[in-house]
PDB file of N, CA and C in Angstrom:
ATOM      1  N   MET A   1       9.218 -42.163  35.890  1.00  0.00           N
ATOM      2  CA  MET A   1       9.371 -41.061  34.962  1.00  0.00           C
ATOM      3  C   MET A   1       9.766 -41.570  33.590  1.00  0.00           C
ATOM      4  N   ARG A   2       9.286 -40.848  32.583  1.00  0.00           N
ATOM      5  CA  ARG A   2       9.644 -41.197  31.213  1.00  0.00           C
ATOM      6  C   ARG A   2      10.936 -40.528  30.814  1.00  0.00           C
ATOM      7  N   ARG A   3      11.650 -41.231  30.073  1.00  0.00           N
ATOM      8  CA  ARG A   3      12.901 -40.701  29.580  1.00  0.00           C
ATOM      9  C   ARG A   3      12.660 -40.049  28.221  1.00  0.00           C
ATOM     10  N   HIS A   4      13.254 -38.862  27.983  1.00  0.00           N
ATOM     11  CA  HIS A   4      13.081 -38.165  26.711  1.00  0.00           C
ATOM     12  C   HIS A   4      14.068 -38.710  25.695  1.00  0.00           C
ATOM     13  N   VAL A   5      13.542 -39.329  24.669  1.00  0.00           N
ATOM     14  CA  VAL A   5      14.372 -39.915  23.626  1.00  0.00           C
ATOM     15  C   VAL A   5      14.547 -38.883  22.513  1.00  0.00           C
ATOM     16  N   PRO A   6      15.794 -38.607  22.104  1.00  0.00           N
ATOM     17  CA  PRO A   6      16.010 -37.615  21.047  1.00  0.00           C
ATOM     18  C   PRO A   6      15.344 -38.041  19.754  1.00  0.00           C
ATOM     19  N   GLY A   7      14.734 -37.049  19.063  1.00  0.00           N
ATOM     20  CA  GLY A   7      14.102 -37.324  17.782  1.00  0.00           C
ATOM     21  C   GLY A   7      12.616 -37.580  17.868  1.00  0.00           C
ATOM     22  N   TYR A   8      12.011 -37.451  19.040  1.00  0.00           N
ATOM     23  CA  TYR A   8      10.585 -37.677  19.187  1.00  0.00           C
ATOM     24  C   TYR A   8       9.933 -36.455  19.812  1.00  0.00           C
ATOM     25  N   ALA A   9       8.641 -36.338  19.578  1.00  0.00           N
ATOM     26  CA  ALA A   9       7.900 -35.210  20.134  1.00  0.00           C
ATOM     27  C   ALA A   9       7.469 -35.527  21.554  1.00  0.00           C
ATOM     28  N   VAL A  10       7.760 -34.604  22.462  1.00  0.00           N
ATOM     29  CA  VAL A  10       7.357 -34.744  23.854  1.00  0.00           C
ATOM     30  C   VAL A  10       6.580 -33.493  24.222  1.00  0.00           C
ATOM     31  N   ARG A  11       5.327 -33.658  24.596  1.00  0.00           N
ATOM     32  CA  ARG A  11       4.445 -32.543  24.951  1.00  0.00           C
ATOM     33  C   ARG A  11       4.403 -31.468  23.872  1.00  0.00           C
ATOM     34  N   GLY A  12       4.330 -31.903  22.620  1.00  0.00           N
ATOM     35  CA  GLY A  12       4.212 -30.972  21.516  1.00  0.00           C
ATOM     36  C   GLY A  12       5.513 -30.345  21.060  1.00  0.00           C
ATOM     37  N   ARG A  13       6.621 -30.697  21.683  1.00  0.00           N
ATOM     38  CA  ARG A  13       7.911 -30.130  21.301  1.00  0.00           C
ATOM     39  C   ARG A  13       8.821 -31.240  20.817  1.00  0.00           C
ATOM     40  N   PHE A  14       9.599 -30.929  19.803  1.00  0.00           N
ATOM     41  CA  PHE A  14      10.519 -31.901  19.248  1.00  0.00           C
ATOM     42  C   PHE A  14      11.815 -31.865  20.048  1.00  0.00           C
ATOM     43  N   VAL A  15      12.261 -33.011  20.514  1.00  0.00           N
ATOM     44  CA  VAL A  15      13.479 -33.113  21.316  1.00  0.00           C
ATOM     45  C   VAL A  15      14.638 -33.436  20.375  1.00  0.00           C
ATOM     46  N   GLN A  16      15.676 -32.590  20.400  1.00  0.00           N
ATOM     47  CA  GLN A  16      16.833 -32.811  19.546  1.00  0.00           C
ATOM     48  C   GLN A  16      17.952 -33.445  20.353  1.00  0.00           C
ATOM     49  N   ALA A  17      18.792 -34.180  19.664  1.00  0.00           N
ATOM     50  CA  ALA A  17      19.890 -34.868  20.325  1.00  0.00           C
ATOM     51  C   ALA A  17      20.951 -33.892  20.809  1.00  0.00           C
ATOM     52  N   ARG A  18      21.194 -32.819  20.067  1.00  0.00           N
ATOM     53  CA  ARG A  18      22.210 -31.845  20.463  1.00  0.00           C
ATOM     54  C   ARG A  18      21.771 -30.464  20.007  1.00  0.00           C
ATOM     55  N   ASP A  19      22.482 -29.454  20.450  1.00  0.00           N
ATOM     56  CA  ASP A  19      22.170 -28.094  20.049  1.00  0.00           C
ATOM     57  C   ASP A  19      22.520 -27.883  18.579  1.00  0.00           C
ATOM     58  N   VAL A  20      21.787 -27.005  17.944  1.00  0.00           N
ATOM     59  CA  VAL A  20      22.046 -26.695  16.543  1.00  0.00           C
ATOM     60  C   VAL A  20      23.186 -25.689  16.480  1.00  0.00           C
ATOM     61  N   ILE A  21      24.167 -25.969  15.670  1.00  0.00           N
ATOM     62  CA  ILE A  21      25.317 -25.085  15.520  1.00  0.00           C
ATOM     63  C   ILE A  21      25.066 -24.182  14.327  1.00  0.00           C
ATOM     64  N   PHE A  22      25.231 -22.866  14.519  1.00  0.00           N
ATOM     65  CA  PHE A  22      25.015 -21.895  13.454  1.00  0.00           C
ATOM     66  C   PHE A  22      26.176 -21.933  12.477  1.00  0.00           C
ATOM     67  N   GLN A  23      25.840 -22.046  11.192  1.00  0.00           N
ATOM     68  CA  GLN A  23      26.858 -22.024  10.150  1.00  0.00           C
ATOM     69  C   GLN A  23      26.569 -20.834   9.247  1.00  0.00           C
ATOM     70  N   GLU A  24      27.515 -19.932   9.128  1.00  0.00           N
ATOM     71  CA  GLU A  24      27.338 -18.748   8.293  1.00  0.00           C
ATOM     72  C   GLU A  24      27.595 -19.133   6.842  1.00  0.00           C
ATOM     73  N   LEU A  25      26.522 -19.146   6.020  1.00  0.00           N
ATOM     74  CA  LEU A  25      26.654 -19.512   4.619  1.00  0.00           C
ATOM     75  C   LEU A  25      26.983 -18.299   3.755  1.00  0.00           C
ATOM     76  N   LEU A  26      26.385 -17.166   4.073  1.00  0.00           N
ATOM     77  CA  LEU A  26      26.640 -15.915   3.375  1.00  0.00           C
ATOM     78  C   LEU A  26      27.180 -14.902   4.371  1.00  0.00           C
ATOM     79  N   PRO A  27      27.931 -13.905   3.921  1.00  0.00           N
ATOM     80  CA  PRO A  27      28.416 -12.896   4.863  1.00  0.00           C
ATOM     81  C   PRO A  27      27.256 -12.134   5.487  1.00  0.00           C
ATOM     82  N   MET A  28      27.335 -11.891   6.790  1.00  0.00           N
ATOM     83  CA  MET A  28      26.249 -11.235   7.514  1.00  0.00           C
ATOM     84  C   MET A  28      26.448  -9.723   7.482  1.00  0.00           C
ATOM     85  N   ARG A  29      26.012  -9.118   6.390  1.00  0.00           N
ATOM     86  CA  ARG A  29      26.050  -7.672   6.274  1.00  0.00           C
ATOM     87  C   ARG A  29      24.927  -7.242   5.353  1.00  0.00           C
ATOM     88  N   LEU A  30      24.551  -5.982   5.451  1.00  0.00           N
ATOM     89  CA  LEU A  30      23.460  -5.463   4.639  1.00  0.00           C
ATOM     90  C   LEU A  30      23.913  -5.239   3.207  1.00  0.00           C
ATOM     91  N   LYS A  31      22.983  -5.362   2.279  1.00  0.00           N
ATOM     92  CA  LYS A  31      23.278  -5.015   0.899  1.00  0.00           C
ATOM     93  C   LYS A  31      23.220  -3.497   0.767  1.00  0.00           C
ATOM     94  N   SER A  32      23.681  -2.985  -0.355  1.00  0.00           N
ATOM     95  CA  SER A  32      23.719  -1.539  -0.531  1.00  0.00           C
ATOM     96  C   SER A  32      22.415  -0.991  -1.104  1.00  0.00           C
ATOM     97  N   ARG A  33      21.384  -1.827  -1.259  1.00  0.00           N
ATOM     98  CA  ARG A  33      20.089  -1.362  -1.754  1.00  0.00           C
ATOM     99  C   ARG A  33      18.989  -2.261  -1.192  1.00  0.00           C
ATOM    100  N   VAL A  34      17.759  -1.771  -1.271  1.00  0.00           N
ATOM    101  CA  VAL A  34      16.598  -2.543  -0.840  1.00  0.00           C
ATOM    102  C   VAL A  34      15.611  -2.629  -1.992  1.00  0.00           C
ATOM    103  N   SER A  35      14.727  -3.613  -1.947  1.00  0.00           N
ATOM    104  CA  SER A  35      13.746  -3.785  -3.016  1.00  0.00           C
ATOM    105  C   SER A  35      12.522  -2.917  -2.758  1.00  0.00           C
ATOM    106  N   ALA A  36      11.692  -2.797  -3.755  1.00  0.00           N
ATOM    107  CA  ALA A  36      10.506  -1.952  -3.657  1.00  0.00           C
ATOM    108  C   ALA A  36       9.253  -2.756  -3.363  1.00  0.00           C
ATOM    109  N   LYS A  37       9.391  -3.936  -2.802  1.00  0.00           N
ATOM    110  CA  LYS A  37       8.233  -4.797  -2.589  1.00  0.00           C
ATOM    111  C   LYS A  37       7.266  -4.249  -1.552  1.00  0.00           C
ATOM    112  N   GLY A  38       7.774  -3.550  -0.540  1.00  0.00           N
ATOM    113  CA  GLY A  38       6.913  -3.078   0.537  1.00  0.00           C
ATOM    114  C   GLY A  38       6.413  -1.666   0.373  1.00  0.00           C
ATOM    115  N   ASP A  39       6.572  -1.074  -0.812  1.00  0.00           N
ATOM    116  CA  ASP A  39       6.181   0.319  -1.001  1.00  0.00           C
ATOM    117  C   ASP A  39       4.753   0.487  -1.493  1.00  0.00           C
ATOM    118  N   ARG A  40       3.930  -0.472  -1.267  1.00  0.00           N
ATOM    119  CA  ARG A  40       2.536  -0.340  -1.690  1.00  0.00           C
ATOM    120  C   ARG A  40       1.802   0.591  -0.728  1.00  0.00           C
ATOM    121  N   THR A  41       1.094   1.558  -1.287  1.00  0.00           N
ATOM    122  CA  THR A  41       0.399   2.525  -0.446  1.00  0.00           C
ATOM    123  C   THR A  41      -1.096   2.275  -0.489  1.00  0.00           C
ATOM    124  N   ASN A  42      -1.784   2.801   0.468  1.00  0.00           N
ATOM    125  CA  ASN A  42      -3.229   2.681   0.529  1.00  0.00           C
ATOM    126  C   ASN A  42      -3.839   3.690  -0.441  1.00  0.00           C
ATOM    127  N   ASN A  43      -4.671   3.231  -1.353  1.00  0.00           N
ATOM    128  CA  ASN A  43      -5.241   4.101  -2.359  1.00  0.00           C
ATOM    129  C   ASN A  43      -6.577   4.698  -1.940  1.00  0.00           C
ATOM    130  N   ALA A  44      -6.970   4.560  -0.707  1.00  0.00           N
ATOM    131  CA  ALA A  44      -8.248   5.101  -0.246  1.00  0.00           C
ATOM    132  C   ALA A  44      -8.048   6.554   0.160  1.00  0.00           C
ATOM    133  N   HIS A  45      -8.376   7.453  -0.736  1.00  0.00           N
ATOM    134  CA  HIS A  45      -8.287   8.864  -0.453  1.00  0.00           C
ATOM    135  C   HIS A  45      -9.560   9.543  -0.935  1.00  0.00           C
ATOM    136  N   CYS A  46      -9.901  10.645  -0.330  1.00  0.00           N
ATOM    137  CA  CYS A  46     -11.096  11.431  -0.657  1.00  0.00           C
ATOM    138  C   CYS A  46     -12.376  10.615  -0.490  1.00  0.00           C
ATOM    139  N   VAL A  47     -12.393   9.714   0.442  1.00  0.00           N
ATOM    140  CA  VAL A  47     -13.565   8.861   0.662  1.00  0.00           C
ATOM    141  C   VAL A  47     -14.733   9.684   1.207  1.00  0.00           C
ATOM    142  N   GLN A  48     -14.436  10.629   2.084  1.00  0.00           N
ATOM    143  CA  GLN A  48     -15.496  11.463   2.670  1.00  0.00           C
ATOM    144  C   GLN A  48     -16.197  12.275   1.582  1.00  0.00           C
ATOM    145  N   GLU A  49     -15.428  12.910   0.709  1.00  0.00           N
ATOM    146  CA  GLU A  49     -16.020  13.722  -0.362  1.00  0.00           C
ATOM    147  C   GLU A  49     -16.824  12.866  -1.339  1.00  0.00           C
ATOM    148  N   MET A  50     -16.310  11.665  -1.615  1.00  0.00           N
ATOM    149  CA  MET A  50     -17.017  10.771  -2.524  1.00  0.00           C
ATOM    150  C   MET A  50     -18.330  10.297  -1.921  1.00  0.00           C
ATOM    151  N   SER A  51     -18.337   9.998  -0.621  1.00  0.00           N
ATOM    152  CA  SER A  51     -19.581   9.538   0.008  1.00  0.00           C
ATOM    153  C   SER A  51     -20.607  10.674   0.074  1.00  0.00           C
ATOM    154  N   VAL A  52     -20.156  11.908   0.296  1.00  0.00           N
ATOM    155  CA  VAL A  52     -21.086  13.043   0.292  1.00  0.00           C
ATOM    156  C   VAL A  52     -21.670  13.225  -1.104  1.00  0.00           C
ATOM    157  N   PHE A  53     -20.851  13.095  -2.132  1.00  0.00           N
ATOM    158  CA  PHE A  53     -21.330  13.216  -3.510  1.00  0.00           C
ATOM    159  C   PHE A  53     -22.339  12.127  -3.843  1.00  0.00           C
ATOM    160  N   PHE A  54     -22.062  10.886  -3.447  1.00  0.00           N
ATOM    161  CA  PHE A  54     -23.004   9.795  -3.708  1.00  0.00           C
ATOM    162  C   PHE A  54     -24.308   9.971  -2.937  1.00  0.00           C
ATOM    163  N   ALA A  55     -24.220  10.478  -1.717  1.00  0.00           N
ATOM    164  CA  ALA A  55     -25.439  10.738  -0.949  1.00  0.00           C
ATOM    165  C   ALA A  55     -26.288  11.801  -1.633  1.00  0.00           C
ATOM    166  N   CYS A  56     -25.640  12.821  -2.180  1.00  0.00           N
ATOM    167  CA  CYS A  56     -26.368  13.858  -2.910  1.00  0.00           C
ATOM    168  C   CYS A  56     -27.023  13.284  -4.162  1.00  0.00           C
ATOM    169  N   LEU A  57     -26.291  12.436  -4.871  1.00  0.00           N
ATOM    170  CA  LEU A  57     -26.867  11.800  -6.055  1.00  0.00           C
ATOM    171  C   LEU A  57     -28.075  10.948  -5.701  1.00  0.00           C
ATOM    172  N   LYS A  58     -27.973  10.216  -4.628  1.00  0.00           N
ATOM    173  CA  LYS A  58     -29.086   9.356  -4.210  1.00  0.00           C
ATOM    174  C   LYS A  58     -30.293  10.201  -3.814  1.00  0.00           C
ATOM    175  N   LYS A  59     -30.026  11.303  -3.111  1.00  0.00           N
ATOM    176  CA  LYS A  59     -31.125  12.166  -2.668  1.00  0.00           C
ATOM    177  C   LYS A  59     -31.831  12.824  -3.854  1.00  0.00           C
ATOM    178  N   ASN A  60     -31.080  13.162  -4.891  1.00  0.00           N
ATOM    179  CA  ASN A  60     -31.644  13.832  -6.062  1.00  0.00           C
ATOM    180  C   ASN A  60     -31.922  12.876  -7.216  1.00  0.00           C
ATOM    181  N   GLU A  61     -32.057  11.604  -6.917  1.00  0.00           N
ATOM    182  CA  GLU A  61     -32.382  10.561  -7.893  1.00  0.00           C
ATOM    183  C   GLU A  61     -31.406  10.538  -9.063  1.00  0.00           C
ATOM    184  N   PHE A  62     -30.126  10.646  -8.742  1.00  0.00           N
ATOM    185  CA  PHE A  62     -29.012  10.515  -9.671  1.00  0.00           C
ATOM    186  C   PHE A  62     -29.046  11.540 -10.808  1.00  0.00           C
ATOM    187  N   VAL A  63     -29.516  12.739 -10.488  1.00  0.00           N
ATOM    188  CA  VAL A  63     -29.424  13.863 -11.422  1.00  0.00           C
ATOM    189  C   VAL A  63     -28.199  14.674 -11.004  1.00  0.00           C
ATOM    190  N   GLU A  64     -27.197  14.674 -11.880  1.00  0.00           N
ATOM    191  CA  GLU A  64     -25.896  15.223 -11.502  1.00  0.00           C
ATOM    192  C   GLU A  64     -25.881  16.744 -11.418  1.00  0.00           C
ATOM    193  N   LYS A  65     -26.802  17.428 -12.095  1.00  0.00           N
ATOM    194  CA  LYS A  65     -26.759  18.898 -12.109  1.00  0.00           C
ATOM    195  C   LYS A  65     -27.133  19.504 -10.756  1.00  0.00           C
ATOM    196  N   HIS A  66     -27.796  18.761  -9.873  1.00  0.00           N
ATOM    197  CA  HIS A  66     -28.158  19.267  -8.548  1.00  0.00           C
ATOM    198  C   HIS A  66     -27.002  19.122  -7.539  1.00  0.00           C
ATOM    199  N   CYS A  67     -25.972  18.396  -7.898  1.00  0.00           N
ATOM    200  CA  CYS A  67     -24.874  18.106  -6.966  1.00  0.00           C
ATOM    201  C   CYS A  67     -23.560  18.753  -7.419  1.00  0.00           C
ATOM    202  N   GLY A  68     -23.634  19.955  -7.932  1.00  0.00           N
ATOM    203  CA  GLY A  68     -22.451  20.657  -8.431  1.00  0.00           C
ATOM    204  C   GLY A  68     -21.394  20.929  -7.368  1.00  0.00           C
ATOM    205  N   PRO A  69     -21.755  21.498  -6.198  1.00  0.00           N
ATOM    206  CA  PRO A  69     -20.728  21.783  -5.183  1.00  0.00           C
ATOM    207  C   PRO A  69     -20.053  20.524  -4.635  1.00  0.00           C
ATOM    208  N   GLU A  70     -20.817  19.451  -4.468  1.00  0.00           N
ATOM    209  CA  GLU A  70     -20.246  18.203  -3.957  1.00  0.00           C
ATOM    210  C   GLU A  70     -19.265  17.604  -4.971  1.00  0.00           C
ATOM    211  N   LEU A  71     -19.649  17.672  -6.266  1.00  0.00           N
ATOM    212  CA  LEU A  71     -18.759  17.166  -7.312  1.00  0.00           C
ATOM    213  C   LEU A  71     -17.490  18.006  -7.396  1.00  0.00           C
ATOM    214  N   ALA A  72     -17.617  19.322  -7.264  1.00  0.00           N
ATOM    215  CA  ALA A  72     -16.446  20.203  -7.306  1.00  0.00           C
ATOM    216  C   ALA A  72     -15.512  19.920  -6.127  1.00  0.00           C
ATOM    217  N   ALA A  73     -16.089  19.696  -4.951  1.00  0.00           N
ATOM    218  CA  ALA A  73     -15.268  19.387  -3.774  1.00  0.00           C
ATOM    219  C   ALA A  73     -14.544  18.056  -3.952  1.00  0.00           C
ATOM    220  N   PHE A  74     -15.220  17.069  -4.525  1.00  0.00           N
ATOM    221  CA  PHE A  74     -14.605  15.769  -4.765  1.00  0.00           C
ATOM    222  C   PHE A  74     -13.469  15.884  -5.784  1.00  0.00           C
ATOM    223  N   GLN A  75     -13.691  16.596  -6.881  1.00  0.00           N
ATOM    224  CA  GLN A  75     -12.656  16.766  -7.898  1.00  0.00           C
ATOM    225  C   GLN A  75     -11.472  17.568  -7.370  1.00  0.00           C
ATOM    226  N   LYS A  76     -11.723  18.554  -6.515  1.00  0.00           N
ATOM    227  CA  LYS A  76     -10.647  19.337  -5.924  1.00  0.00           C
ATOM    228  C   LYS A  76      -9.797  18.459  -5.007  1.00  0.00           C
ATOM    229  N   CYS A  77     -10.458  17.602  -4.244  1.00  0.00           N
ATOM    230  CA  CYS A  77      -9.733  16.682  -3.364  1.00  0.00           C
ATOM    231  C   CYS A  77      -8.860  15.735  -4.176  1.00  0.00           C
ATOM    232  N   ILE A  78      -9.378  15.223  -5.262  1.00  0.00           N
ATOM    233  CA  ILE A  78      -8.619  14.301  -6.120  1.00  0.00           C
ATOM    234  C   ILE A  78      -7.395  15.004  -6.705  1.00  0.00           C
ATOM    235  N   THR A  79      -7.568  16.217  -7.222  1.00  0.00           N
ATOM    236  CA  THR A  79      -6.441  16.916  -7.843  1.00  0.00           C
ATOM    237  C   THR A  79      -5.369  17.279  -6.816  1.00  0.00           C
ATOM    238  N   THR A  80      -5.768  17.721  -5.621  1.00  0.00           N
ATOM    239  CA  THR A  80      -4.764  18.051  -4.600  1.00  0.00           C
ATOM    240  C   THR A  80      -4.031  16.798  -4.131  1.00  0.00           C
ATOM    241  N   HIS A  81      -4.742  15.690  -4.016  1.00  0.00           N
ATOM    242  CA  HIS A  81      -4.095  14.437  -3.604  1.00  0.00           C
ATOM    243  C   HIS A  81      -3.110  13.958  -4.670  1.00  0.00           C
ATOM    244  N   GLU A  82      -3.507  14.019  -5.938  1.00  0.00           N
ATOM    245  CA  GLU A  82      -2.617  13.592  -7.006  1.00  0.00           C
ATOM    246  C   GLU A  82      -1.377  14.468  -7.084  1.00  0.00           C
ATOM    247  N   ALA A  83      -1.535  15.785  -6.881  1.00  0.00           N
ATOM    248  CA  ALA A  83      -0.379  16.685  -6.910  1.00  0.00           C
ATOM    249  C   ALA A  83       0.567  16.388  -5.747  1.00  0.00           C
ATOM    250  N   ALA A  84       0.005  16.134  -4.568  1.00  0.00           N
ATOM    251  CA  ALA A  84       0.837  15.811  -3.406  1.00  0.00           C
ATOM    252  C   ALA A  84       1.566  14.488  -3.607  1.00  0.00           C
ATOM    253  N   GLN A  85       0.895  13.486  -4.175  1.00  0.00           N
ATOM    254  CA  GLN A  85       1.523  12.192  -4.425  1.00  0.00           C
ATOM    255  C   GLN A  85       2.639  12.317  -5.461  1.00  0.00           C
ATOM    256  N   LYS A  86       2.403  13.136  -6.501  1.00  0.00           N
ATOM    257  CA  LYS A  86       3.429  13.325  -7.536  1.00  0.00           C
ATOM    258  C   LYS A  86       4.659  14.006  -6.951  1.00  0.00           C
ATOM    259  N   LEU A  87       4.454  15.019  -6.129  1.00  0.00           N
ATOM    260  CA  LEU A  87       5.573  15.707  -5.490  1.00  0.00           C
ATOM    261  C   LEU A  87       6.347  14.766  -4.572  1.00  0.00           C
ATOM    262  N   LYS A  88       5.613  13.985  -3.798  1.00  0.00           N
ATOM    263  CA  LYS A  88       6.246  13.048  -2.872  1.00  0.00           C
ATOM    264  C   LYS A  88       7.026  11.967  -3.616  1.00  0.00           C
ATOM    265  N   SER A  89       6.469  11.458  -4.711  1.00  0.00           N
ATOM    266  CA  SER A  89       7.166  10.418  -5.466  1.00  0.00           C
ATOM    267  C   SER A  89       8.389  10.973  -6.183  1.00  0.00           C
ATOM    268  N   ASP A  90       8.318  12.232  -6.673  1.00  0.00           N
ATOM    269  CA  ASP A  90       9.484  12.835  -7.316  1.00  0.00           C
ATOM    270  C   ASP A  90      10.624  13.028  -6.323  1.00  0.00           C
ATOM    271  N   VAL A  91      10.296  13.500  -5.137  1.00  0.00           N
ATOM    272  CA  VAL A  91      11.318  13.691  -4.103  1.00  0.00           C
ATOM    273  C   VAL A  91      11.894  12.347  -3.670  1.00  0.00           C
ATOM    274  N   ALA A  92      11.032  11.347  -3.518  1.00  0.00           N
ATOM    275  CA  ALA A  92      11.498  10.028  -3.089  1.00  0.00           C
ATOM    276  C   ALA A  92      12.347   9.367  -4.167  1.00  0.00           C
ATOM    277  N   ARG A  93      11.990   9.562  -5.435  1.00  0.00           N
ATOM    278  CA  ARG A  93      12.747   8.953  -6.528  1.00  0.00           C
ATOM    279  C   ARG A  93      14.158   9.525  -6.614  1.00  0.00           C
ATOM    280  N   ARG A  94      14.288  10.814  -6.312  1.00  0.00           N
ATOM    281  CA  ARG A  94      15.620  11.428  -6.313  1.00  0.00           C
ATOM    282  C   ARG A  94      16.441  10.988  -5.104  1.00  0.00           C
ATOM    283  N   GLY A  95      15.788  10.413  -4.106  1.00  0.00           N
ATOM    284  CA  GLY A  95      16.493   9.944  -2.921  1.00  0.00           C
ATOM    285  C   GLY A  95      16.694  11.016  -1.873  1.00  0.00           C
ATOM    286  N   GLU A  96      16.016  12.145  -2.023  1.00  0.00           N
ATOM    287  CA  GLU A  96      16.145  13.218  -1.043  1.00  0.00           C
ATOM    288  C   GLU A  96      15.351  12.867   0.208  1.00  0.00           C
ATOM    289  N   LEU A  97      15.886  13.253   1.334  1.00  0.00           N
ATOM    290  CA  LEU A  97      15.208  12.985   2.600  1.00  0.00           C
ATOM    291  C   LEU A  97      14.360  14.187   2.990  1.00  0.00           C
ATOM    292  N   ILE A  98      13.165  13.921   3.466  1.00  0.00           N
ATOM    293  CA  ILE A  98      12.252  14.965   3.901  1.00  0.00           C
ATOM    294  C   ILE A  98      12.313  15.024   5.420  1.00  0.00           C
ATOM    295  N   PRO A  99      12.627  16.190   6.005  1.00  0.00           N
ATOM    296  CA  PRO A  99      12.684  16.277   7.469  1.00  0.00           C
ATOM    297  C   PRO A  99      11.309  16.010   8.087  1.00  0.00           C
ATOM    298  N   GLY A 100      11.288  15.155   9.091  1.00  0.00           N
ATOM    299  CA  GLY A 100      10.049  14.846   9.790  1.00  0.00           C
ATOM    300  C   GLY A 100       9.218  13.747   9.150  1.00  0.00           C
ATOM    301  N   GLU A 101       9.675  13.182   8.052  1.00  0.00           N
ATOM    302  CA  GLU A 101       8.928  12.113   7.377  1.00  0.00           C
ATOM    303  C   GLU A 101       9.031  10.832   8.196  1.00  0.00           C
ATOM    304  N   LYS A 102       7.912  10.164   8.412  1.00  0.00           N
ATOM    305  CA  LYS A 102       7.897   8.978   9.258  1.00  0.00           C
ATOM    306  C   LYS A 102       8.305   7.714   8.503  1.00  0.00           C
ATOM    307  N   SER A 103       7.986   7.633   7.224  1.00  0.00           N
ATOM    308  CA  SER A 103       8.350   6.435   6.464  1.00  0.00           C
ATOM    309  C   SER A 103       9.178   6.848   5.250  1.00  0.00           C
ATOM    310  N   LEU A 104      10.154   6.032   4.917  1.00  0.00           N
ATOM    311  CA  LEU A 104      11.042   6.305   3.797  1.00  0.00           C
ATOM    312  C   LEU A 104      10.730   5.358   2.645  1.00  0.00           C
ATOM    313  N   SER A 105      10.916   5.845   1.425  1.00  0.00           N
ATOM    314  CA  SER A 105      10.721   4.988   0.257  1.00  0.00           C
ATOM    315  C   SER A 105      11.970   4.133   0.057  1.00  0.00           C
ATOM    316  N   HIS A 106      11.881   3.176  -0.863  1.00  0.00           N
ATOM    317  CA  HIS A 106      13.040   2.316  -1.095  1.00  0.00           C
ATOM    318  C   HIS A 106      14.178   3.091  -1.748  1.00  0.00           C
ATOM    319  N   HIS A 107      13.863   4.140  -2.520  1.00  0.00           N
ATOM    320  CA  HIS A 107      14.922   4.965  -3.105  1.00  0.00           C
ATOM    321  C   HIS A 107      15.684   5.712  -2.010  1.00  0.00           C
ATOM    322  N   GLN A 108      14.957   6.243  -1.025  1.00  0.00           N
ATOM    323  CA  GLN A 108      15.598   6.981   0.050  1.00  0.00           C
ATOM    324  C   GLN A 108      16.454   6.060   0.925  1.00  0.00           C
ATOM    325  N   ILE A 109      15.957   4.877   1.222  1.00  0.00           N
ATOM    326  CA  ILE A 109      16.727   3.930   2.032  1.00  0.00           C
ATOM    327  C   ILE A 109      17.983   3.485   1.282  1.00  0.00           C
ATOM    328  N   SER A 110      17.846   3.251  -0.028  1.00  0.00           N
ATOM    329  CA  SER A 110      19.009   2.848  -0.825  1.00  0.00           C
ATOM    330  C   SER A 110      20.056   3.951  -0.864  1.00  0.00           C
ATOM    331  N   SER A 111      19.617   5.205  -0.968  1.00  0.00           N
ATOM    332  CA  SER A 111      20.594   6.295  -0.990  1.00  0.00           C
ATOM    333  C   SER A 111      21.288   6.423   0.374  1.00  0.00           C
ATOM    334  N   LEU A 112      20.575   6.182   1.459  1.00  0.00           N
ATOM    335  CA  LEU A 112      21.206   6.211   2.774  1.00  0.00           C
ATOM    336  C   LEU A 112      22.216   5.074   2.925  1.00  0.00           C
ATOM    337  N   LEU A 113      21.871   3.894   2.429  1.00  0.00           N
ATOM    338  CA  LEU A 113      22.799   2.758   2.519  1.00  0.00           C
ATOM    339  C   LEU A 113      24.040   2.973   1.664  1.00  0.00           C
ATOM    340  N   LYS A 114      23.896   3.650   0.526  1.00  0.00           N
ATOM    341  CA  LYS A 114      25.054   3.953  -0.303  1.00  0.00           C
ATOM    342  C   LYS A 114      25.930   5.017   0.356  1.00  0.00           C
ATOM    343  N   LYS A 115      25.280   5.962   1.032  1.00  0.00           N
ATOM    344  CA  LYS A 115      26.027   7.046   1.687  1.00  0.00           C
ATOM    345  C   LYS A 115      26.789   6.532   2.911  1.00  0.00           C
ATOM    346  N   TYR A 116      26.142   5.638   3.668  1.00  0.00           N
ATOM    347  CA  TYR A 116      26.758   5.092   4.886  1.00  0.00           C
ATOM    348  C   TYR A 116      26.818   3.583   4.788  1.00  0.00           C
ATOM    349  N   PRO A 117      27.810   3.026   4.073  1.00  0.00           N
ATOM    350  CA  PRO A 117      27.869   1.567   3.918  1.00  0.00           C
ATOM    351  C   PRO A 117      28.169   0.882   5.253  1.00  0.00           C
ATOM    352  N   GLY A 118      27.685  -0.340   5.354  1.00  0.00           N
ATOM    353  CA  GLY A 118      27.736  -1.093   6.584  1.00  0.00           C
ATOM    354  C   GLY A 118      29.062  -1.537   7.010  1.00  0.00           C
TER     355      GLY A 118
END
């Protein structure tokens, strides 16, 4: 049998001479706020209405006057989405919690952390 020498790789794993001892460099507690790095949202909205409008344009050889209802439906979808996003961002910026909301913004999480410190 081979002897496992510390400091060498054996079967793809590095063998250490002793266990690693955990040293706490910073206090292990949460900060009172979070960053906004993960708040990027998916900007793909009204794709169905846009594809119907483009199909109408293609069918009518890109004459826009024949595709009035499709264009109106697409513009209505855009305006309702923008209004909903503005309302949601205003509520999130104030830090108010929405009942039943599945994901929280960084403003809402920060307000919760300030309200209930660790």
